[in-house]
Amino acid sequence: MAMGALALLAACGETRSPAPDGGGHGYLLFDPPSQQQGWELVDQLTTRSADKALIRTSGLADDGAKTMFIDFSGGCEAQAPFVAEARRAAQQLNIANVRCTETSPIS
C-alpha cells in the first residue's frame, strides 16, 4: 500500500522530500478549476509560506484526479495558521472548497 502511494506521488509530480514527521498529519484537500491552478497553490505554499517546512507531499487524490491535496505535519488544529494561510492563497487563485482533514486522501 505504501509503495502504491509513493508511485502515485511520483506520477503526480511531487517534488518535495517529506518534512520530518512531528507526530500528526493534516491534509488540505481542494478542488481547483484546473490542475494548473492547483499546482500554482502548491507552488505558492511550498516556496513562499513561512510554514513551508511543514509540507510533506502534495499530489492528486484518489477520486479521478479532480481533488488535489497537500500533506503537512502537525494536524489541522495544531497548524491552524498554516491552514488559514492556505485558504487565503486558494481564495486568491479562485480555488474553492478548501478543507482540512486528518484522514489520508490516498487509499
PDB file of N, CA and C in Angstrom:
ATOM      1  N   MET A   1       0.826  -1.183   0.000  1.00  0.00           N
ATOM      2  CA  MET A   1       0.000   0.000   0.000  1.00  0.00           C
ATOM      3  C   MET A   1       0.873   1.251   0.000  1.00  0.00           C
ATOM      4  N   ALA A   2       1.893   1.308   0.829  1.00  0.00           N
ATOM      5  CA  ALA A   2       2.760   2.484   0.869  1.00  0.00           C
ATOM      6  C   ALA A   2       3.496   2.664  -0.451  1.00  0.00           C
ATOM      7  N   MET A   3       3.895   1.573  -1.073  1.00  0.00           N
ATOM      8  CA  MET A   3       4.590   1.675  -2.358  1.00  0.00           C
ATOM      9  C   MET A   3       3.660   2.255  -3.408  1.00  0.00           C
ATOM     10  N   GLY A   4       2.374   1.880  -3.380  1.00  0.00           N
ATOM     11  CA  GLY A   4       1.411   2.434  -4.323  1.00  0.00           C
ATOM     12  C   GLY A   4       1.249   3.926  -4.132  1.00  0.00           C
ATOM     13  N   ALA A   5       1.232   4.369  -2.887  1.00  0.00           N
ATOM     14  CA  ALA A   5       1.114   5.804  -2.600  1.00  0.00           C
ATOM     15  C   ALA A   5       2.340   6.543  -3.096  1.00  0.00           C
ATOM     16  N   LEU A   6       3.517   5.970  -2.904  1.00  0.00           N
ATOM     17  CA  LEU A   6       4.741   6.607  -3.388  1.00  0.00           C
ATOM     18  C   LEU A   6       4.757   6.672  -4.905  1.00  0.00           C
ATOM     19  N   ALA A   7       4.286   5.615  -5.556  1.00  0.00           N
ATOM     20  CA  ALA A   7       4.234   5.618  -7.019  1.00  0.00           C
ATOM     21  C   ALA A   7       3.260   6.673  -7.513  1.00  0.00           C
ATOM     22  N   LEU A   8       2.114   6.805  -6.842  1.00  0.00           N
ATOM     23  CA  LEU A   8       1.138   7.820  -7.222  1.00  0.00           C
ATOM     24  C   LEU A   8       1.731   9.209  -7.070  1.00  0.00           C
ATOM     25  N   LEU A   9       2.407   9.465  -5.976  1.00  0.00           N
ATOM     26  CA  LEU A   9       3.008  10.781  -5.765  1.00  0.00           C
ATOM     27  C   LEU A   9       4.070  11.069  -6.811  1.00  0.00           C
ATOM     28  N   ALA A  10       4.866  10.083  -7.143  1.00  0.00           N
ATOM     29  CA  ALA A  10       5.894  10.290  -8.165  1.00  0.00           C
ATOM     30  C   ALA A  10       5.252  10.581  -9.513  1.00  0.00           C
ATOM     31  N   ALA A  11       4.172   9.893  -9.821  1.00  0.00           N
ATOM     32  CA  ALA A  11       3.488  10.108 -11.094  1.00  0.00           C
ATOM     33  C   ALA A  11       2.808  11.461 -11.153  1.00  0.00           C
ATOM     34  N   CYS A  12       2.458  12.010 -10.015  1.00  0.00           N
ATOM     35  CA  CYS A  12       1.732  13.277  -9.971  1.00  0.00           C
ATOM     36  C   CYS A  12       2.655  14.479  -9.884  1.00  0.00           C
ATOM     37  N   GLY A  13       3.937  14.275  -9.901  1.00  0.00           N
ATOM     38  CA  GLY A  13       4.858  15.397  -9.920  1.00  0.00           C
ATOM     39  C   GLY A  13       5.289  15.888  -8.556  1.00  0.00           C
ATOM     40  N   GLU A  14       5.135  15.113  -7.527  1.00  0.00           N
ATOM     41  CA  GLU A  14       5.563  15.521  -6.188  1.00  0.00           C
ATOM     42  C   GLU A  14       7.071  15.719  -6.220  1.00  0.00           C
ATOM     43  N   THR A  15       7.512  16.880  -5.760  1.00  0.00           N
ATOM     44  CA  THR A  15       8.927  17.191  -5.882  1.00  0.00           C
ATOM     45  C   THR A  15       9.612  17.447  -4.549  1.00  0.00           C
ATOM     46  N   ARG A  16       8.880  17.503  -3.457  1.00  0.00           N
ATOM     47  CA  ARG A  16       9.491  17.814  -2.167  1.00  0.00           C
ATOM     48  C   ARG A  16       9.800  16.538  -1.412  1.00  0.00           C
ATOM     49  N   SER A  17      10.868  16.558  -0.676  1.00  0.00           N
ATOM     50  CA  SER A  17      11.162  15.470   0.241  1.00  0.00           C
ATOM     51  C   SER A  17      10.277  15.646   1.464  1.00  0.00           C
ATOM     52  N   PRO A  18       9.823  14.548   2.043  1.00  0.00           N
ATOM     53  CA  PRO A  18       8.978  14.686   3.221  1.00  0.00           C
ATOM     54  C   PRO A  18       9.674  15.437   4.348  1.00  0.00           C
ATOM     55  N   ALA A  19       8.922  16.293   4.999  1.00  0.00           N
ATOM     56  CA  ALA A  19       9.424  17.007   6.170  1.00  0.00           C
ATOM     57  C   ALA A  19       9.505  16.021   7.326  1.00  0.00           C
ATOM     58  N   PRO A  20      10.288  16.326   8.326  1.00  0.00           N
ATOM     59  CA  PRO A  20      10.319  15.452   9.496  1.00  0.00           C
ATOM     60  C   PRO A  20       8.913  15.311  10.073  1.00  0.00           C
ATOM     61  N   ASP A  21       8.564  14.115  10.460  1.00  0.00           N
ATOM     62  CA  ASP A  21       7.228  13.858  10.978  1.00  0.00           C
ATOM     63  C   ASP A  21       7.150  14.306  12.424  1.00  0.00           C
ATOM     64  N   GLY A  22       6.332  15.321  12.679  1.00  0.00           N
ATOM     65  CA  GLY A  22       6.198  15.854  14.021  1.00  0.00           C
ATOM     66  C   GLY A  22       5.083  15.206  14.813  1.00  0.00           C
ATOM     67  N   GLY A  23       4.585  14.076  14.379  1.00  0.00           N
ATOM     68  CA  GLY A  23       3.519  13.410  15.102  1.00  0.00           C
ATOM     69  C   GLY A  23       2.305  13.210  14.230  1.00  0.00           C
ATOM     70  N   GLY A  24       1.432  14.215  14.158  1.00  0.00           N
ATOM     71  CA  GLY A  24       0.214  14.093  13.378  1.00  0.00           C
ATOM     72  C   GLY A  24       0.398  14.532  11.944  1.00  0.00           C
ATOM     73  N   HIS A  25      -0.636  14.292  11.181  1.00  0.00           N
ATOM     74  CA  HIS A  25      -0.675  14.737   9.787  1.00  0.00           C
ATOM     75  C   HIS A  25      -1.967  15.491   9.562  1.00  0.00           C
ATOM     76  N   GLY A  26      -1.903  16.454   8.686  1.00  0.00           N
ATOM     77  CA  GLY A  26      -3.097  17.124   8.199  1.00  0.00           C
ATOM     78  C   GLY A  26      -3.057  17.073   6.691  1.00  0.00           C
ATOM     79  N   TYR A  27      -4.225  17.094   6.097  1.00  0.00           N
ATOM     80  CA  TYR A  27      -4.321  17.060   4.644  1.00  0.00           C
ATOM     81  C   TYR A  27      -5.250  18.174   4.206  1.00  0.00           C
ATOM     82  N   LEU A  28      -4.715  19.100   3.433  1.00  0.00           N
ATOM     83  CA  LEU A  28      -5.547  20.114   2.806  1.00  0.00           C
ATOM     84  C   LEU A  28      -6.053  19.514   1.508  1.00  0.00           C
ATOM     85  N   LEU A  29      -7.350  19.479   1.343  1.00  0.00           N
ATOM     86  CA  LEU A  29      -7.961  18.985   0.116  1.00  0.00           C
ATOM     87  C   LEU A  29      -8.610  20.164  -0.581  1.00  0.00           C
ATOM     88  N   PHE A  30      -8.503  20.213  -1.896  1.00  0.00           N
ATOM     89  CA  PHE A  30      -9.104  21.318  -2.639  1.00  0.00           C
ATOM     90  C   PHE A  30      -9.408  20.867  -4.059  1.00  0.00           C
ATOM     91  N   ASP A  31     -10.405  21.531  -4.649  1.00  0.00           N
ATOM     92  CA  ASP A  31     -10.881  21.203  -5.988  1.00  0.00           C
ATOM     93  C   ASP A  31     -10.622  22.391  -6.906  1.00  0.00           C
ATOM     94  N   PRO A  32      -9.431  22.465  -7.493  1.00  0.00           N
ATOM     95  CA  PRO A  32      -9.117  23.609  -8.348  1.00  0.00           C
ATOM     96  C   PRO A  32      -9.897  23.554  -9.658  1.00  0.00           C
ATOM     97  N   PRO A  33     -10.185  24.724 -10.247  1.00  0.00           N
ATOM     98  CA  PRO A  33     -10.849  24.739 -11.555  1.00  0.00           C
ATOM     99  C   PRO A  33     -10.006  24.033 -12.624  1.00  0.00           C
ATOM    100  N   SER A  34      -8.688  24.071 -12.458  1.00  0.00           N
ATOM    101  CA  SER A  34      -7.781  23.357 -13.361  1.00  0.00           C
ATOM    102  C   SER A  34      -6.601  22.850 -12.532  1.00  0.00           C
ATOM    103  N   GLN A  35      -5.946  21.818 -13.040  1.00  0.00           N
ATOM    104  CA  GLN A  35      -4.769  21.319 -12.324  1.00  0.00           C
ATOM    105  C   GLN A  35      -3.684  22.385 -12.274  1.00  0.00           C
ATOM    106  N   GLN A  36      -3.603  23.220 -13.299  1.00  0.00           N
ATOM    107  CA  GLN A  36      -2.601  24.287 -13.299  1.00  0.00           C
ATOM    108  C   GLN A  36      -2.802  25.201 -12.095  1.00  0.00           C
ATOM    109  N   GLN A  37      -4.053  25.582 -11.821  1.00  0.00           N
ATOM    110  CA  GLN A  37      -4.315  26.433 -10.657  1.00  0.00           C
ATOM    111  C   GLN A  37      -3.990  25.692  -9.366  1.00  0.00           C
ATOM    112  N   GLY A  38      -4.270  24.403  -9.327  1.00  0.00           N
ATOM    113  CA  GLY A  38      -3.935  23.609  -8.149  1.00  0.00           C
ATOM    114  C   GLY A  38      -2.441  23.572  -7.901  1.00  0.00           C
ATOM    115  N   TRP A  39      -1.674  23.370  -8.966  1.00  0.00           N
ATOM    116  CA  TRP A  39      -0.220  23.344  -8.804  1.00  0.00           C
ATOM    117  C   TRP A  39       0.315  24.724  -8.453  1.00  0.00           C
ATOM    118  N   GLU A  40      -0.357  25.783  -8.904  1.00  0.00           N
ATOM    119  CA  GLU A  40       0.049  27.139  -8.506  1.00  0.00           C
ATOM    120  C   GLU A  40      -0.095  27.320  -7.003  1.00  0.00           C
ATOM    121  N   LEU A  41      -1.191  26.792  -6.440  1.00  0.00           N
ATOM    122  CA  LEU A  41      -1.376  26.874  -4.990  1.00  0.00           C
ATOM    123  C   LEU A  41      -0.280  26.086  -4.274  1.00  0.00           C
ATOM    124  N   VAL A  42      -0.020  24.873  -4.734  1.00  0.00           N
ATOM    125  CA  VAL A  42       1.038  24.059  -4.130  1.00  0.00           C
ATOM    126  C   VAL A  42       2.365  24.804  -4.199  1.00  0.00           C
ATOM    127  N   ASP A  43       2.676  25.361  -5.366  1.00  0.00           N
ATOM    128  CA  ASP A  43       3.935  26.088  -5.539  1.00  0.00           C
ATOM    129  C   ASP A  43       4.018  27.287  -4.602  1.00  0.00           C
ATOM    130  N   GLN A  44       2.928  28.022  -4.517  1.00  0.00           N
ATOM    131  CA  GLN A  44       2.928  29.201  -3.645  1.00  0.00           C
ATOM    132  C   GLN A  44       3.200  28.810  -2.198  1.00  0.00           C
ATOM    133  N   LEU A  45       2.557  27.765  -1.727  1.00  0.00           N
ATOM    134  CA  LEU A  45       2.737  27.360  -0.332  1.00  0.00           C
ATOM    135  C   LEU A  45       4.106  26.729  -0.082  1.00  0.00           C
ATOM    136  N   THR A  46       4.629  25.980  -1.051  1.00  0.00           N
ATOM    137  CA  THR A  46       5.916  25.312  -0.836  1.00  0.00           C
ATOM    138  C   THR A  46       7.106  26.240  -1.022  1.00  0.00           C
ATOM    139  N   THR A  47       6.908  27.379  -1.663  1.00  0.00           N
ATOM    140  CA  THR A  47       8.037  28.286  -1.874  1.00  0.00           C
ATOM    141  C   THR A  47       7.946  29.571  -1.066  1.00  0.00           C
ATOM    142  N   ARG A  48       6.731  30.016  -0.740  1.00  0.00           N
ATOM    143  CA  ARG A  48       6.595  31.330  -0.109  1.00  0.00           C
ATOM    144  C   ARG A  48       6.055  31.315   1.312  1.00  0.00           C
ATOM    145  N   SER A  49       5.448  30.223   1.708  1.00  0.00           N
ATOM    146  CA  SER A  49       4.841  30.172   3.035  1.00  0.00           C
ATOM    147  C   SER A  49       5.907  30.185   4.128  1.00  0.00           C
ATOM    148  N   ALA A  50       5.630  30.921   5.190  1.00  0.00           N
ATOM    149  CA  ALA A  50       6.530  30.910   6.348  1.00  0.00           C
ATOM    150  C   ALA A  50       6.581  29.515   6.971  1.00  0.00           C
ATOM    151  N   ASP A  51       5.523  28.735   6.760  1.00  0.00           N
ATOM    152  CA  ASP A  51       5.436  27.387   7.325  1.00  0.00           C
ATOM    153  C   ASP A  51       5.722  26.299   6.292  1.00  0.00           C
ATOM    154  N   LYS A  52       6.447  26.626   5.228  1.00  0.00           N
ATOM    155  CA  LYS A  52       6.679  25.657   4.153  1.00  0.00           C
ATOM    156  C   LYS A  52       7.382  24.387   4.631  1.00  0.00           C
ATOM    157  N   ALA A  53       8.121  24.452   5.719  1.00  0.00           N
ATOM    158  CA  ALA A  53       8.804  23.258   6.238  1.00  0.00           C
ATOM    159  C   ALA A  53       7.821  22.207   6.746  1.00  0.00           C
ATOM    160  N   LEU A  54       6.574  22.587   6.981  1.00  0.00           N
ATOM    161  CA  LEU A  54       5.563  21.635   7.435  1.00  0.00           C
ATOM    162  C   LEU A  54       5.113  20.697   6.321  1.00  0.00           C
ATOM    163  N   ILE A  55       5.231  21.144   5.082  1.00  0.00           N
ATOM    164  CA  ILE A  55       4.678  20.400   3.955  1.00  0.00           C
ATOM    165  C   ILE A  55       5.501  19.147   3.703  1.00  0.00           C
ATOM    166  N   ARG A  56       4.784  18.019   3.637  1.00  0.00           N
ATOM    167  CA  ARG A  56       5.435  16.731   3.409  1.00  0.00           C
ATOM    168  C   ARG A  56       5.350  16.341   1.934  1.00  0.00           C
ATOM    169  N   THR A  57       4.176  16.290   1.381  1.00  0.00           N
ATOM    170  CA  THR A  57       3.971  15.896  -0.010  1.00  0.00           C
ATOM    171  C   THR A  57       2.747  16.607  -0.557  1.00  0.00           C
ATOM    172  N   SER A  58       2.545  16.475  -1.850  1.00  0.00           N
ATOM    173  CA  SER A  58       1.347  17.008  -2.494  1.00  0.00           C
ATOM    174  C   SER A  58       1.056  16.139  -3.702  1.00  0.00           C
ATOM    175  N   GLY A  59      -0.161  16.211  -4.187  1.00  0.00           N
ATOM    176  CA  GLY A  59      -0.495  15.408  -5.358  1.00  0.00           C
ATOM    177  C   GLY A  59      -1.975  15.386  -5.630  1.00  0.00           C
ATOM    178  N   LEU A  60      -2.383  14.378  -6.379  1.00  0.00           N
ATOM    179  CA  LEU A  60      -3.777  14.182  -6.743  1.00  0.00           C
ATOM    180  C   LEU A  60      -4.375  13.114  -5.842  1.00  0.00           C
ATOM    181  N   ALA A  61      -5.583  13.361  -5.363  1.00  0.00           N
ATOM    182  CA  ALA A  61      -6.268  12.396  -4.506  1.00  0.00           C
ATOM    183  C   ALA A  61      -6.831  11.260  -5.360  1.00  0.00           C
ATOM    184  N   ASP A  62      -7.289  10.218  -4.705  1.00  0.00           N
ATOM    185  CA  ASP A  62      -7.828   9.036  -5.386  1.00  0.00           C
ATOM    186  C   ASP A  62      -9.288   9.218  -5.777  1.00  0.00           C
ATOM    187  N   ASP A  63      -9.617  10.230  -6.543  1.00  0.00           N
ATOM    188  CA  ASP A  63     -11.021  10.411  -6.927  1.00  0.00           C
ATOM    189  C   ASP A  63     -11.143  10.805  -8.397  1.00  0.00           C
ATOM    190  N   GLY A  64     -10.310  10.253  -9.221  1.00  0.00           N
ATOM    191  CA  GLY A  64     -10.358  10.575 -10.630  1.00  0.00           C
ATOM    192  C   GLY A  64      -9.570  11.822 -10.984  1.00  0.00           C
ATOM    193  N   ALA A  65      -8.628  12.197 -10.150  1.00  0.00           N
ATOM    194  CA  ALA A  65      -7.714  13.326 -10.397  1.00  0.00           C
ATOM    195  C   ALA A  65      -8.415  14.676 -10.416  1.00  0.00           C
ATOM    196  N   LYS A  66      -9.534  14.805  -9.705  1.00  0.00           N
ATOM    197  CA  LYS A  66     -10.204  16.102  -9.600  1.00  0.00           C
ATOM    198  C   LYS A  66      -9.739  16.840  -8.349  1.00  0.00           C
ATOM    199  N   THR A  67      -9.622  16.141  -7.248  1.00  0.00           N
ATOM    200  CA  THR A  67      -9.227  16.740  -5.980  1.00  0.00           C
ATOM    201  C   THR A  67      -7.719  16.625  -5.809  1.00  0.00           C
ATOM    202  N   MET A  68      -7.122  17.708  -5.334  1.00  0.00           N
ATOM    203  CA  MET A  68      -5.688  17.711  -5.045  1.00  0.00           C
ATOM    204  C   MET A  68      -5.502  17.805  -3.534  1.00  0.00           C
ATOM    205  N   PHE A  69      -4.301  17.487  -3.062  1.00  0.00           N
ATOM    206  CA  PHE A  69      -4.047  17.548  -1.627  1.00  0.00           C
ATOM    207  C   PHE A  69      -2.641  18.043  -1.342  1.00  0.00           C
ATOM    208  N   ILE A  70      -2.490  18.552  -0.123  1.00  0.00           N
ATOM    209  CA  ILE A  70      -1.185  18.878   0.440  1.00  0.00           C
ATOM    210  C   ILE A  70      -1.138  18.200   1.801  1.00  0.00           C
ATOM    211  N   ASP A  71      -0.163  17.331   1.999  1.00  0.00           N
ATOM    212  CA  ASP A  71       0.036  16.611   3.259  1.00  0.00           C
ATOM    213  C   ASP A  71       1.037  17.420   4.077  1.00  0.00           C
ATOM    214  N   PHE A  72       0.673  17.729   5.316  1.00  0.00           N
ATOM    215  CA  PHE A  72       1.576  18.512   6.162  1.00  0.00           C
ATOM    216  C   PHE A  72       1.650  17.925   7.558  1.00  0.00           C
ATOM    217  N   SER A  73       2.732  18.205   8.238  1.00  0.00           N
ATOM    218  CA  SER A  73       2.959  17.709   9.595  1.00  0.00           C
ATOM    219  C   SER A  73       2.176  18.533  10.603  1.00  0.00           C
ATOM    220  N   GLY A  74       1.654  17.853  11.608  1.00  0.00           N
ATOM    221  CA  GLY A  74       1.082  18.545  12.743  1.00  0.00           C
ATOM    222  C   GLY A  74      -0.410  18.470  12.912  1.00  0.00           C
ATOM    223  N   GLY A  75      -1.181  18.252  11.884  1.00  0.00           N
ATOM    224  CA  GLY A  75      -2.624  18.180  12.020  1.00  0.00           C
ATOM    225  C   GLY A  75      -3.312  19.523  11.835  1.00  0.00           C
ATOM    226  N   CYS A  76      -4.608  19.473  11.578  1.00  0.00           N
ATOM    227  CA  CYS A  76      -5.396  20.667  11.241  1.00  0.00           C
ATOM    228  C   CYS A  76      -5.449  21.693  12.368  1.00  0.00           C
ATOM    229  N   GLU A  77      -5.776  21.261  13.563  1.00  0.00           N
ATOM    230  CA  GLU A  77      -5.883  22.209  14.679  1.00  0.00           C
ATOM    231  C   GLU A  77      -4.519  22.739  15.098  1.00  0.00           C
ATOM    232  N   ALA A  78      -3.530  21.861  15.137  1.00  0.00           N
ATOM    233  CA  ALA A  78      -2.196  22.273  15.582  1.00  0.00           C
ATOM    234  C   ALA A  78      -1.559  23.276  14.622  1.00  0.00           C
ATOM    235  N   GLN A  79      -1.929  23.212  13.363  1.00  0.00           N
ATOM    236  CA  GLN A  79      -1.336  24.105  12.357  1.00  0.00           C
ATOM    237  C   GLN A  79      -2.390  25.047  11.769  1.00  0.00           C
ATOM    238  N   ALA A  80      -3.288  25.531  12.605  1.00  0.00           N
ATOM    239  CA  ALA A  80      -4.370  26.420  12.153  1.00  0.00           C
ATOM    240  C   ALA A  80      -3.866  27.642  11.381  1.00  0.00           C
ATOM    241  N   PRO A  81      -2.756  28.284  11.762  1.00  0.00           N
ATOM    242  CA  PRO A  81      -2.279  29.430  10.963  1.00  0.00           C
ATOM    243  C   PRO A  81      -1.898  29.033   9.530  1.00  0.00           C
ATOM    244  N   PHE A  82      -1.275  27.868   9.362  1.00  0.00           N
ATOM    245  CA  PHE A  82      -0.920  27.396   8.024  1.00  0.00           C
ATOM    246  C   PHE A  82      -2.178  27.111   7.209  1.00  0.00           C
ATOM    247  N   VAL A  83      -3.160  26.474   7.831  1.00  0.00           N
ATOM    248  CA  VAL A  83      -4.421  26.170   7.147  1.00  0.00           C
ATOM    249  C   VAL A  83      -5.105  27.467   6.714  1.00  0.00           C
ATOM    250  N   ALA A  84      -5.120  28.466   7.582  1.00  0.00           N
ATOM    251  CA  ALA A  84      -5.725  29.763   7.241  1.00  0.00           C
ATOM    252  C   ALA A  84      -4.974  30.422   6.087  1.00  0.00           C
ATOM    253  N   GLU A  85      -3.647  30.349   6.105  1.00  0.00           N
ATOM    254  CA  GLU A  85      -2.846  30.915   5.012  1.00  0.00           C
ATOM    255  C   GLU A  85      -3.169  30.209   3.696  1.00  0.00           C
ATOM    256  N   ALA A  86      -3.291  28.894   3.737  1.00  0.00           N
ATOM    257  CA  ALA A  86      -3.609  28.129   2.531  1.00  0.00           C
ATOM    258  C   ALA A  86      -4.985  28.513   1.990  1.00  0.00           C
ATOM    259  N   ARG A  87      -5.940  28.709   2.878  1.00  0.00           N
ATOM    260  CA  ARG A  87      -7.287  29.114   2.434  1.00  0.00           C
ATOM    261  C   ARG A  87      -7.258  30.493   1.781  1.00  0.00           C
ATOM    262  N   ARG A  88      -6.495  31.418   2.351  1.00  0.00           N
ATOM    263  CA  ARG A  88      -6.375  32.762   1.747  1.00  0.00           C
ATOM    264  C   ARG A  88      -5.720  32.677   0.371  1.00  0.00           C
ATOM    265  N   ALA A  89      -4.653  31.906   0.268  1.00  0.00           N
ATOM    266  CA  ALA A  89      -3.962  31.753  -1.018  1.00  0.00           C
ATOM    267  C   ALA A  89      -4.881  31.105  -2.051  1.00  0.00           C
ATOM    268  N   ALA A  90      -5.648  30.112  -1.633  1.00  0.00           N
ATOM    269  CA  ALA A  90      -6.582  29.447  -2.543  1.00  0.00           C
ATOM    270  C   ALA A  90      -7.654  30.420  -3.027  1.00  0.00           C
ATOM    271  N   GLN A  91      -8.154  31.240  -2.120  1.00  0.00           N
ATOM    272  CA  GLN A  91      -9.178  32.215  -2.495  1.00  0.00           C
ATOM    273  C   GLN A  91      -8.638  33.174  -3.557  1.00  0.00           C
ATOM    274  N   GLN A  92      -7.393  33.600  -3.423  1.00  0.00           N
ATOM    275  CA  GLN A  92      -6.786  34.496  -4.413  1.00  0.00           C
ATOM    276  C   GLN A  92      -6.663  33.831  -5.779  1.00  0.00           C
ATOM    277  N   LEU A  93      -6.557  32.515  -5.801  1.00  0.00           N
ATOM    278  CA  LEU A  93      -6.450  31.764  -7.054  1.00  0.00           C
ATOM    279  C   LEU A  93      -7.804  31.240  -7.528  1.00  0.00           C
ATOM    280  N   ASN A  94      -8.886  31.678  -6.875  1.00  0.00           N
ATOM    281  CA  ASN A  94     -10.252  31.237  -7.207  1.00  0.00           C
ATOM    282  C   ASN A  94     -10.432  29.732  -7.049  1.00  0.00           C
ATOM    283  N   ILE A  95      -9.791  29.177  -6.045  1.00  0.00           N
ATOM    284  CA  ILE A  95      -9.940  27.761  -5.723  1.00  0.00           C
ATOM    285  C   ILE A  95     -10.873  27.666  -4.525  1.00  0.00           C
ATOM    286  N   ALA A  96     -11.986  26.986  -4.732  1.00  0.00           N
ATOM    287  CA  ALA A  96     -12.999  26.867  -3.682  1.00  0.00           C
ATOM    288  C   ALA A  96     -12.918  25.491  -3.015  1.00  0.00           C
ATOM    289  N   ASN A  97     -13.703  25.334  -1.994  1.00  0.00           N
ATOM    290  CA  ASN A  97     -13.871  24.058  -1.304  1.00  0.00           C
ATOM    291  C   ASN A  97     -12.563  23.539  -0.704  1.00  0.00           C
ATOM    292  N   VAL A  98     -11.806  24.423  -0.077  1.00  0.00           N
ATOM    293  CA  VAL A  98     -10.588  24.008   0.625  1.00  0.00           C
ATOM    294  C   VAL A  98     -11.012  23.474   1.989  1.00  0.00           C
ATOM    295  N   ARG A  99     -10.588  22.278   2.296  1.00  0.00           N
ATOM    296  CA  ARG A  99     -10.943  21.682   3.584  1.00  0.00           C
ATOM    297  C   ARG A  99      -9.729  20.971   4.156  1.00  0.00           C
ATOM    298  N   CYS A 100      -9.764  20.793   5.458  1.00  0.00           N
ATOM    299  CA  CYS A 100      -8.656  20.144   6.148  1.00  0.00           C
ATOM    300  C   CYS A 100      -9.180  18.904   6.857  1.00  0.00           C
ATOM    301  N   THR A 101      -8.448  17.831   6.728  1.00  0.00           N
ATOM    302  CA  THR A 101      -8.815  16.579   7.375  1.00  0.00           C
ATOM    303  C   THR A 101      -7.539  15.905   7.876  1.00  0.00           C
ATOM    304  N   GLU A 102      -7.702  14.951   8.747  1.00  0.00           N
ATOM    305  CA  GLU A 102      -6.554  14.183   9.211  1.00  0.00           C
ATOM    306  C   GLU A 102      -6.618  12.752   8.683  1.00  0.00           C
ATOM    307  N   THR A 103      -7.466  12.548   7.675  1.00  0.00           N
ATOM    308  CA  THR A 103      -7.597  11.259   7.007  1.00  0.00           C
ATOM    309  C   THR A 103      -6.942  11.352   5.637  1.00  0.00           C
ATOM    310  N   SER A 104      -6.050  10.438   5.341  1.00  0.00           N
ATOM    311  CA  SER A 104      -5.327  10.470   4.070  1.00  0.00           C
ATOM    312  C   SER A 104      -6.275  10.331   2.882  1.00  0.00           C
ATOM    313  N   PRO A 105      -6.071  11.144   1.843  1.00  0.00           N
ATOM    314  CA  PRO A 105      -6.885  11.019   0.636  1.00  0.00           C
ATOM    315  C   PRO A 105      -6.400   9.907  -0.289  1.00  0.00           C
ATOM    316  N   ILE A 106      -5.326   9.247   0.079  1.00  0.00           N
ATOM    317  CA  ILE A 106      -4.776   8.160  -0.736  1.00  0.00           C
ATOM    318  C   ILE A 106      -5.076   6.843  -0.046  1.00  0.00           C
ATOM    319  N   SER A 107      -5.739   5.962  -0.780  1.00  0.00           N
ATOM    320  CA  SER A 107      -6.094   4.672  -0.178  1.00  0.00           C
ATOM    321  C   SER A 107      -5.021   3.640  -0.387  1.00  0.00           C
TER     322      SER A 107
END
